[in-house]
Amino acid sequence: MKLVQLSSWFVFKHVPLTYSASTTTYEESNVYQELSELLDEIGYAFDKHELKICTLRAHKNKVIKAMLAKARELEFDMSTNIAKSVLSSIISQEEIDEQEAIEILTDYVTSDVSKQTTMRERLFAAAIRKSEDFHIVMLLNGEGARRVV
């Protein structure tokens, strides 16, 4: 039960998992240490990278659930691939929280068609720039060294 409570706190607080001495706060260090000890007790093997991925995935799941609830509330048709792609593009933004995601979605849904098109293009472009395919194109085009993420 303690692990679940800690895990919930950890995910809902969305503590970034950066473990260098210069960027880790005392609170983050204690949470990570406690979580490590609890996982060791139950015999679960993990590494920092795996834990970070799981934490980010849990955070994204929480934000997506909130966006889906808001989409239903706004009567936004989620049956189309474009609608699903819009939500996916919103969640792909770095360090987006639940409130920001809902604000972007609400703005998109309540906008006119031309603004929706503009927003959709920006969201899709931002999402694709984070892809491995985009990175490969940049490298093969000789721009890899100049890429700003």
N, C-alpha and C. Protein backbone atom coordinates (compact mmCIF):
# COMPACT_ATOMS: atom_id res chain seq x y z
N MET A 1 0.82 -1.19 0.00
CA MET A 1 0.00 0.00 0.00
C MET A 1 0.86 1.25 0.00
N LYS A 2 1.96 1.19 0.74
CA LYS A 2 2.84 2.36 0.81
C LYS A 2 3.42 2.68 -0.57
N LEU A 3 3.78 1.64 -1.31
CA LEU A 3 4.33 1.85 -2.65
C LEU A 3 3.31 2.53 -3.55
N VAL A 4 2.07 2.10 -3.47
CA VAL A 4 1.02 2.70 -4.29
C VAL A 4 0.86 4.17 -3.93
N GLN A 5 0.84 4.47 -2.64
CA GLN A 5 0.70 5.86 -2.23
C GLN A 5 1.89 6.68 -2.67
N LEU A 6 3.08 6.15 -2.49
CA LEU A 6 4.27 6.86 -2.91
C LEU A 6 4.28 7.02 -4.42
N SER A 7 3.92 5.94 -5.11
CA SER A 7 3.90 6.00 -6.56
C SER A 7 2.91 7.05 -7.03
N SER A 8 1.74 7.11 -6.42
CA SER A 8 0.75 8.11 -6.81
C SER A 8 1.28 9.51 -6.56
N TRP A 9 1.89 9.71 -5.41
CA TRP A 9 2.44 11.03 -5.11
C TRP A 9 3.51 11.38 -6.12
N PHE A 10 4.36 10.38 -6.41
CA PHE A 10 5.48 10.60 -7.32
C PHE A 10 4.98 10.96 -8.71
N VAL A 11 3.99 10.24 -9.20
CA VAL A 11 3.46 10.49 -10.53
C VAL A 11 2.67 11.79 -10.57
N PHE A 12 1.82 12.03 -9.59
CA PHE A 12 0.99 13.23 -9.62
C PHE A 12 1.79 14.50 -9.42
N LYS A 13 2.86 14.42 -8.66
CA LYS A 13 3.74 15.57 -8.50
C LYS A 13 4.61 15.77 -9.73
N HIS A 14 4.81 14.71 -10.50
CA HIS A 14 5.64 14.70 -11.70
C HIS A 14 7.01 15.28 -11.40
N VAL A 15 7.70 14.63 -10.47
CA VAL A 15 9.06 15.04 -10.13
C VAL A 15 9.97 14.59 -11.25
N PRO A 16 10.69 15.52 -11.90
CA PRO A 16 11.59 15.11 -12.97
C PRO A 16 12.71 14.23 -12.42
N LEU A 17 13.04 13.21 -13.15
CA LEU A 17 14.05 12.28 -12.68
C LEU A 17 15.42 12.64 -13.24
N THR A 18 15.96 13.73 -12.77
CA THR A 18 17.33 14.09 -13.11
C THR A 18 18.15 13.88 -11.86
N TYR A 19 19.17 13.08 -11.96
CA TYR A 19 19.88 12.64 -10.77
C TYR A 19 21.30 13.16 -10.68
N SER A 20 21.56 14.33 -11.21
CA SER A 20 22.90 14.87 -11.01
C SER A 20 22.87 15.69 -9.73
N ALA A 21 23.99 15.79 -9.08
CA ALA A 21 24.05 16.48 -7.80
C ALA A 21 23.65 17.94 -7.92
N SER A 22 23.89 18.54 -9.07
CA SER A 22 23.60 19.96 -9.22
C SER A 22 22.12 20.26 -9.44
N THR A 23 21.34 19.29 -9.94
CA THR A 23 19.94 19.57 -10.26
C THR A 23 18.94 18.85 -9.39
N THR A 24 19.33 17.87 -8.62
CA THR A 24 18.40 17.11 -7.80
C THR A 24 18.16 17.82 -6.48
N THR A 25 16.89 18.04 -6.17
CA THR A 25 16.57 18.66 -4.89
C THR A 25 16.57 17.60 -3.81
N TYR A 26 16.60 18.05 -2.58
CA TYR A 26 16.58 17.14 -1.43
C TYR A 26 15.32 16.28 -1.46
N GLU A 27 14.18 16.90 -1.79
CA GLU A 27 12.90 16.18 -1.82
C GLU A 27 12.93 15.11 -2.90
N GLU A 28 13.41 15.44 -4.10
CA GLU A 28 13.48 14.46 -5.18
C GLU A 28 14.38 13.30 -4.80
N SER A 29 15.50 13.61 -4.20
CA SER A 29 16.45 12.58 -3.78
C SER A 29 15.82 11.63 -2.77
N ASN A 30 15.09 12.18 -1.80
CA ASN A 30 14.43 11.34 -0.79
C ASN A 30 13.35 10.46 -1.41
N VAL A 31 12.57 11.02 -2.33
CA VAL A 31 11.51 10.24 -2.98
C VAL A 31 12.14 9.11 -3.78
N TYR A 32 13.18 9.42 -4.54
CA TYR A 32 13.84 8.39 -5.33
C TYR A 32 14.44 7.32 -4.43
N GLN A 33 15.08 7.73 -3.35
CA GLN A 33 15.70 6.78 -2.42
C GLN A 33 14.65 5.86 -1.80
N GLU A 34 13.54 6.45 -1.35
CA GLU A 34 12.48 5.65 -0.73
C GLU A 34 11.88 4.68 -1.75
N LEU A 35 11.64 5.17 -2.95
CA LEU A 35 11.09 4.31 -3.99
C LEU A 35 12.06 3.17 -4.32
N SER A 36 13.34 3.49 -4.40
CA SER A 36 14.35 2.46 -4.68
C SER A 36 14.35 1.38 -3.60
N GLU A 37 14.29 1.80 -2.34
CA GLU A 37 14.29 0.84 -1.24
C GLU A 37 13.06 -0.06 -1.27
N LEU A 38 11.89 0.53 -1.54
CA LEU A 38 10.66 -0.26 -1.60
C LEU A 38 10.70 -1.26 -2.75
N LEU A 39 11.21 -0.84 -3.90
CA LEU A 39 11.30 -1.76 -5.03
C LEU A 39 12.32 -2.86 -4.76
N ASP A 40 13.41 -2.52 -4.07
CA ASP A 40 14.40 -3.53 -3.69
C ASP A 40 13.78 -4.56 -2.75
N GLU A 41 12.93 -4.11 -1.83
CA GLU A 41 12.29 -5.01 -0.86
C GLU A 41 11.43 -6.06 -1.55
N ILE A 42 10.75 -5.67 -2.60
CA ILE A 42 9.88 -6.64 -3.29
C ILE A 42 10.63 -7.38 -4.39
N GLY A 43 11.90 -7.06 -4.57
CA GLY A 43 12.71 -7.78 -5.54
C GLY A 43 12.53 -7.32 -6.97
N TYR A 44 12.08 -6.12 -7.17
CA TYR A 44 11.89 -5.60 -8.52
C TYR A 44 13.19 -4.95 -8.99
N ALA A 45 13.72 -5.43 -10.09
CA ALA A 45 14.96 -4.87 -10.63
C ALA A 45 14.61 -3.79 -11.65
N PHE A 46 15.31 -2.68 -11.59
CA PHE A 46 15.08 -1.58 -12.52
C PHE A 46 16.33 -0.74 -12.60
N ASP A 47 16.35 0.14 -13.56
CA ASP A 47 17.41 1.14 -13.60
C ASP A 47 16.76 2.52 -13.68
N LYS A 48 17.55 3.55 -13.55
CA LYS A 48 17.01 4.91 -13.52
C LYS A 48 16.28 5.25 -14.81
N HIS A 49 16.83 4.81 -15.94
CA HIS A 49 16.20 5.11 -17.23
C HIS A 49 14.82 4.46 -17.32
N GLU A 50 14.74 3.20 -16.91
CA GLU A 50 13.47 2.47 -16.93
C GLU A 50 12.44 3.15 -16.01
N LEU A 51 12.88 3.55 -14.83
CA LEU A 51 12.00 4.22 -13.88
C LEU A 51 11.51 5.56 -14.45
N LYS A 52 12.40 6.28 -15.11
CA LYS A 52 12.02 7.56 -15.71
C LYS A 52 10.97 7.35 -16.79
N ILE A 53 11.17 6.36 -17.64
CA ILE A 53 10.21 6.07 -18.71
C ILE A 53 8.85 5.70 -18.12
N CYS A 54 8.83 4.85 -17.10
CA CYS A 54 7.57 4.45 -16.47
C CYS A 54 6.87 5.65 -15.83
N THR A 55 7.63 6.51 -15.20
CA THR A 55 7.05 7.69 -14.57
C THR A 55 6.46 8.63 -15.60
N LEU A 56 7.20 8.87 -16.69
CA LEU A 56 6.69 9.74 -17.75
C LEU A 56 5.45 9.15 -18.41
N ARG A 57 5.45 7.84 -18.61
CA ARG A 57 4.29 7.18 -19.21
C ARG A 57 3.06 7.31 -18.31
N ALA A 58 3.26 7.14 -17.01
CA ALA A 58 2.15 7.29 -16.07
C ALA A 58 1.62 8.72 -16.07
N HIS A 59 2.52 9.69 -16.13
CA HIS A 59 2.11 11.10 -16.19
C HIS A 59 1.31 11.37 -17.47
N LYS A 60 1.81 10.87 -18.60
CA LYS A 60 1.11 11.08 -19.87
C LYS A 60 -0.26 10.41 -19.86
N ASN A 61 -0.35 9.21 -19.29
CA ASN A 61 -1.65 8.54 -19.20
C ASN A 61 -2.64 9.37 -18.40
N LYS A 62 -2.18 9.96 -17.32
CA LYS A 62 -3.04 10.80 -16.48
C LYS A 62 -3.54 12.01 -17.27
N VAL A 63 -2.64 12.65 -18.00
CA VAL A 63 -3.01 13.84 -18.78
C VAL A 63 -3.95 13.46 -19.92
N ILE A 64 -3.69 12.33 -20.58
CA ILE A 64 -4.55 11.89 -21.68
C ILE A 64 -5.96 11.59 -21.17
N LYS A 65 -6.06 10.93 -20.03
CA LYS A 65 -7.39 10.65 -19.45
C LYS A 65 -8.14 11.94 -19.17
N ALA A 66 -7.44 12.94 -18.67
CA ALA A 66 -8.08 14.24 -18.40
C ALA A 66 -8.52 14.90 -19.70
N MET A 67 -7.70 14.81 -20.74
CA MET A 67 -8.08 15.39 -22.03
C MET A 67 -9.26 14.66 -22.65
N LEU A 68 -9.30 13.35 -22.53
CA LEU A 68 -10.43 12.59 -23.07
C LEU A 68 -11.72 12.96 -22.35
N ALA A 69 -11.64 13.13 -21.03
CA ALA A 69 -12.82 13.54 -20.27
C ALA A 69 -13.29 14.93 -20.72
N LYS A 70 -12.35 15.84 -20.93
CA LYS A 70 -12.70 17.19 -21.39
C LYS A 70 -13.27 17.15 -22.80
N ALA A 71 -12.72 16.29 -23.66
CA ALA A 71 -13.22 16.15 -25.03
C ALA A 71 -14.68 15.69 -25.01
N ARG A 72 -15.00 14.73 -24.13
CA ARG A 72 -16.39 14.28 -24.01
C ARG A 72 -17.28 15.41 -23.52
N GLU A 73 -16.78 16.15 -22.53
CA GLU A 73 -17.53 17.28 -21.98
C GLU A 73 -17.82 18.34 -23.05
N LEU A 74 -16.85 18.57 -23.93
CA LEU A 74 -17.01 19.55 -25.01
C LEU A 74 -17.71 18.96 -26.23
N GLU A 75 -18.07 17.67 -26.16
CA GLU A 75 -18.71 16.94 -27.25
C GLU A 75 -17.83 16.96 -28.51
N PHE A 76 -16.54 16.77 -28.30
CA PHE A 76 -15.56 16.71 -29.38
C PHE A 76 -15.52 15.28 -29.90
N ASP A 77 -15.76 15.09 -31.18
CA ASP A 77 -15.81 13.77 -31.79
C ASP A 77 -14.41 13.14 -31.83
N MET A 78 -14.19 12.15 -31.00
CA MET A 78 -12.89 11.49 -30.93
C MET A 78 -12.81 10.25 -31.84
N SER A 79 -13.76 10.08 -32.74
CA SER A 79 -13.75 8.90 -33.60
C SER A 79 -12.83 9.05 -34.80
N THR A 80 -12.41 10.27 -35.12
CA THR A 80 -11.55 10.46 -36.29
C THR A 80 -10.08 10.36 -35.92
N ASN A 81 -9.29 9.98 -36.90
CA ASN A 81 -7.85 9.90 -36.68
C ASN A 81 -7.25 11.29 -36.46
N ILE A 82 -7.82 12.30 -37.08
CA ILE A 82 -7.31 13.67 -36.88
C ILE A 82 -7.49 14.08 -35.43
N ALA A 83 -8.65 13.81 -34.85
CA ALA A 83 -8.89 14.17 -33.45
C ALA A 83 -7.91 13.45 -32.53
N LYS A 84 -7.69 12.18 -32.77
CA LYS A 84 -6.74 11.42 -31.95
C LYS A 84 -5.32 11.95 -32.13
N SER A 85 -5.00 12.35 -33.36
CA SER A 85 -3.67 12.91 -33.63
C SER A 85 -3.47 14.24 -32.94
N VAL A 86 -4.53 15.04 -32.84
CA VAL A 86 -4.44 16.32 -32.14
C VAL A 86 -4.11 16.07 -30.67
N LEU A 87 -4.83 15.15 -30.03
CA LEU A 87 -4.54 14.85 -28.62
C LEU A 87 -3.13 14.29 -28.46
N SER A 88 -2.72 13.42 -29.37
CA SER A 88 -1.36 12.87 -29.31
C SER A 88 -0.31 13.96 -29.46
N SER A 89 -0.57 14.91 -30.33
CA SER A 89 0.37 16.01 -30.53
C SER A 89 0.45 16.91 -29.31
N ILE A 90 -0.68 17.13 -28.67
CA ILE A 90 -0.69 17.95 -27.45
C ILE A 90 0.15 17.28 -26.37
N ILE A 91 -0.06 15.99 -26.16
CA ILE A 91 0.65 15.29 -25.08
C ILE A 91 2.13 15.11 -25.40
N SER A 92 2.52 15.21 -26.66
CA SER A 92 3.93 15.03 -27.02
C SER A 92 4.80 16.23 -26.64
N GLN A 93 4.17 17.34 -26.27
CA GLN A 93 4.93 18.52 -25.88
C GLN A 93 5.69 18.25 -24.59
N GLU A 94 6.88 18.82 -24.50
CA GLU A 94 7.72 18.62 -23.32
C GLU A 94 7.07 19.20 -22.07
N GLU A 95 7.10 18.42 -21.00
CA GLU A 95 6.68 18.84 -19.67
C GLU A 95 5.32 19.53 -19.63
N ILE A 96 4.38 19.04 -20.43
CA ILE A 96 3.04 19.62 -20.40
C ILE A 96 2.28 19.03 -19.22
N ASP A 97 1.57 19.89 -18.52
CA ASP A 97 0.78 19.39 -17.40
C ASP A 97 -0.68 19.30 -17.81
N GLU A 98 -1.47 18.76 -16.92
CA GLU A 98 -2.88 18.51 -17.19
C GLU A 98 -3.63 19.79 -17.58
N GLN A 99 -3.42 20.85 -16.82
CA GLN A 99 -4.13 22.11 -17.06
C GLN A 99 -3.76 22.70 -18.42
N GLU A 100 -2.48 22.71 -18.76
CA GLU A 100 -2.04 23.25 -20.06
C GLU A 100 -2.64 22.45 -21.20
N ALA A 101 -2.63 21.13 -21.08
CA ALA A 101 -3.17 20.27 -22.13
C ALA A 101 -4.66 20.52 -22.33
N ILE A 102 -5.39 20.66 -21.24
CA ILE A 102 -6.83 20.91 -21.34
C ILE A 102 -7.10 22.28 -21.95
N GLU A 103 -6.29 23.28 -21.60
CA GLU A 103 -6.45 24.61 -22.18
C GLU A 103 -6.23 24.59 -23.69
N ILE A 104 -5.18 23.90 -24.14
CA ILE A 104 -4.91 23.80 -25.58
C ILE A 104 -6.05 23.08 -26.28
N LEU A 105 -6.51 21.97 -25.71
CA LEU A 105 -7.61 21.22 -26.30
C LEU A 105 -8.87 22.06 -26.37
N THR A 106 -9.20 22.75 -25.30
CA THR A 106 -10.40 23.60 -25.27
C THR A 106 -10.30 24.69 -26.32
N ASP A 107 -9.13 25.31 -26.42
CA ASP A 107 -8.92 26.36 -27.42
C ASP A 107 -9.11 25.79 -28.83
N TYR A 108 -8.58 24.59 -29.06
CA TYR A 108 -8.72 23.95 -30.37
C TYR A 108 -10.18 23.66 -30.69
N VAL A 109 -10.88 23.04 -29.75
CA VAL A 109 -12.26 22.62 -30.00
C VAL A 109 -13.19 23.81 -30.20
N THR A 110 -12.97 24.89 -29.46
CA THR A 110 -13.87 26.04 -29.53
C THR A 110 -13.50 27.03 -30.63
N SER A 111 -12.45 26.76 -31.37
CA SER A 111 -12.01 27.66 -32.44
C SER A 111 -12.76 27.39 -33.73
N ASP A 112 -12.66 28.37 -34.65
CA ASP A 112 -13.25 28.16 -35.97
C ASP A 112 -12.34 27.24 -36.79
N VAL A 113 -12.82 26.83 -37.94
CA VAL A 113 -12.12 25.83 -38.75
C VAL A 113 -10.73 26.30 -39.17
N SER A 114 -10.58 27.57 -39.54
CA SER A 114 -9.26 28.04 -39.99
C SER A 114 -8.25 28.05 -38.84
N LYS A 115 -8.69 28.45 -37.65
CA LYS A 115 -7.78 28.44 -36.50
C LYS A 115 -7.45 27.01 -36.11
N GLN A 116 -8.44 26.11 -36.21
CA GLN A 116 -8.17 24.70 -35.92
C GLN A 116 -7.11 24.15 -36.86
N THR A 117 -7.21 24.51 -38.14
CA THR A 117 -6.23 24.04 -39.12
C THR A 117 -4.84 24.56 -38.78
N THR A 118 -4.74 25.83 -38.43
CA THR A 118 -3.45 26.42 -38.07
C THR A 118 -2.88 25.76 -36.82
N MET A 119 -3.72 25.60 -35.80
CA MET A 119 -3.27 24.96 -34.56
C MET A 119 -2.82 23.52 -34.82
N ARG A 120 -3.61 22.81 -35.63
CA ARG A 120 -3.30 21.42 -35.93
C ARG A 120 -1.95 21.31 -36.64
N GLU A 121 -1.70 22.19 -37.61
CA GLU A 121 -0.42 22.18 -38.32
C GLU A 121 0.75 22.43 -37.36
N ARG A 122 0.58 23.38 -36.46
CA ARG A 122 1.64 23.68 -35.49
C ARG A 122 1.88 22.50 -34.54
N LEU A 123 0.79 21.91 -34.05
CA LEU A 123 0.91 20.77 -33.14
C LEU A 123 1.58 19.58 -33.84
N PHE A 124 1.15 19.28 -35.07
CA PHE A 124 1.72 18.16 -35.80
C PHE A 124 3.20 18.40 -36.11
N ALA A 125 3.54 19.62 -36.51
CA ALA A 125 4.94 19.94 -36.83
C ALA A 125 5.81 19.80 -35.59
N ALA A 126 5.32 20.28 -34.45
CA ALA A 126 6.09 20.17 -33.20
C ALA A 126 6.28 18.70 -32.82
N ALA A 127 5.24 17.90 -33.00
CA ALA A 127 5.33 16.48 -32.65
C ALA A 127 6.29 15.74 -33.57
N ILE A 128 6.24 16.01 -34.85
CA ILE A 128 7.09 15.28 -35.79
C ILE A 128 8.56 15.65 -35.63
N ARG A 129 8.83 16.88 -35.19
CA ARG A 129 10.22 17.29 -34.98
C ARG A 129 10.90 16.50 -33.87
N LYS A 130 10.13 15.85 -33.03
CA LYS A 130 10.70 15.04 -31.95
C LYS A 130 10.90 13.58 -32.36
N SER A 131 10.50 13.25 -33.58
CA SER A 131 10.56 11.85 -34.01
C SER A 131 11.97 11.45 -34.45
N GLU A 132 12.21 10.17 -34.41
CA GLU A 132 13.48 9.61 -34.87
C GLU A 132 13.64 9.84 -36.38
N ASP A 133 12.55 9.74 -37.13
CA ASP A 133 12.61 9.95 -38.58
C ASP A 133 13.08 11.36 -38.91
N PHE A 134 12.55 12.34 -38.20
CA PHE A 134 12.96 13.73 -38.42
C PHE A 134 14.44 13.89 -38.11
N HIS A 135 14.88 13.28 -37.03
CA HIS A 135 16.29 13.35 -36.64
C HIS A 135 17.19 12.75 -37.73
N ILE A 136 16.78 11.63 -38.29
CA ILE A 136 17.55 10.99 -39.36
C ILE A 136 17.63 11.90 -40.58
N VAL A 137 16.50 12.51 -40.96
CA VAL A 137 16.49 13.44 -42.09
C VAL A 137 17.46 14.59 -41.84
N MET A 138 17.44 15.13 -40.63
CA MET A 138 18.35 16.23 -40.29
C MET A 138 19.80 15.78 -40.42
N LEU A 139 20.12 14.62 -39.89
CA LEU A 139 21.50 14.12 -39.96
C LEU A 139 21.95 13.90 -41.39
N LEU A 140 21.11 13.23 -42.19
CA LEU A 140 21.48 12.93 -43.57
C LEU A 140 21.51 14.17 -44.45
N ASN A 141 20.84 15.20 -44.02
CA ASN A 141 20.87 16.47 -44.75
C ASN A 141 22.04 17.35 -44.29
N GLY A 142 22.83 16.85 -43.35
CA GLY A 142 23.99 17.59 -42.88
C GLY A 142 23.68 18.64 -41.83
N GLU A 143 22.49 18.59 -41.26
CA GLU A 143 22.09 19.61 -40.29
C GLU A 143 22.11 19.10 -38.86
N GLY A 144 22.56 17.90 -38.64
CA GLY A 144 22.52 17.29 -37.32
C GLY A 144 23.20 18.09 -36.24
N ALA A 145 24.32 18.70 -36.57
CA ALA A 145 25.07 19.46 -35.57
C ALA A 145 24.36 20.74 -35.17
N ARG A 146 23.51 21.25 -36.06
CA ARG A 146 22.82 22.52 -35.78
C ARG A 146 21.44 22.33 -35.18
N ARG A 147 21.00 21.10 -35.03
CA ARG A 147 19.64 20.83 -34.56
C ARG A 147 19.45 21.33 -33.14
N VAL A 148 18.38 22.07 -32.95
CA VAL A 148 18.00 22.54 -31.62
C VAL A 148 16.70 21.85 -31.27
N VAL A 149 16.71 21.10 -30.19
CA VAL A 149 15.51 20.35 -29.80
C VAL A 149 14.65 21.20 -28.92
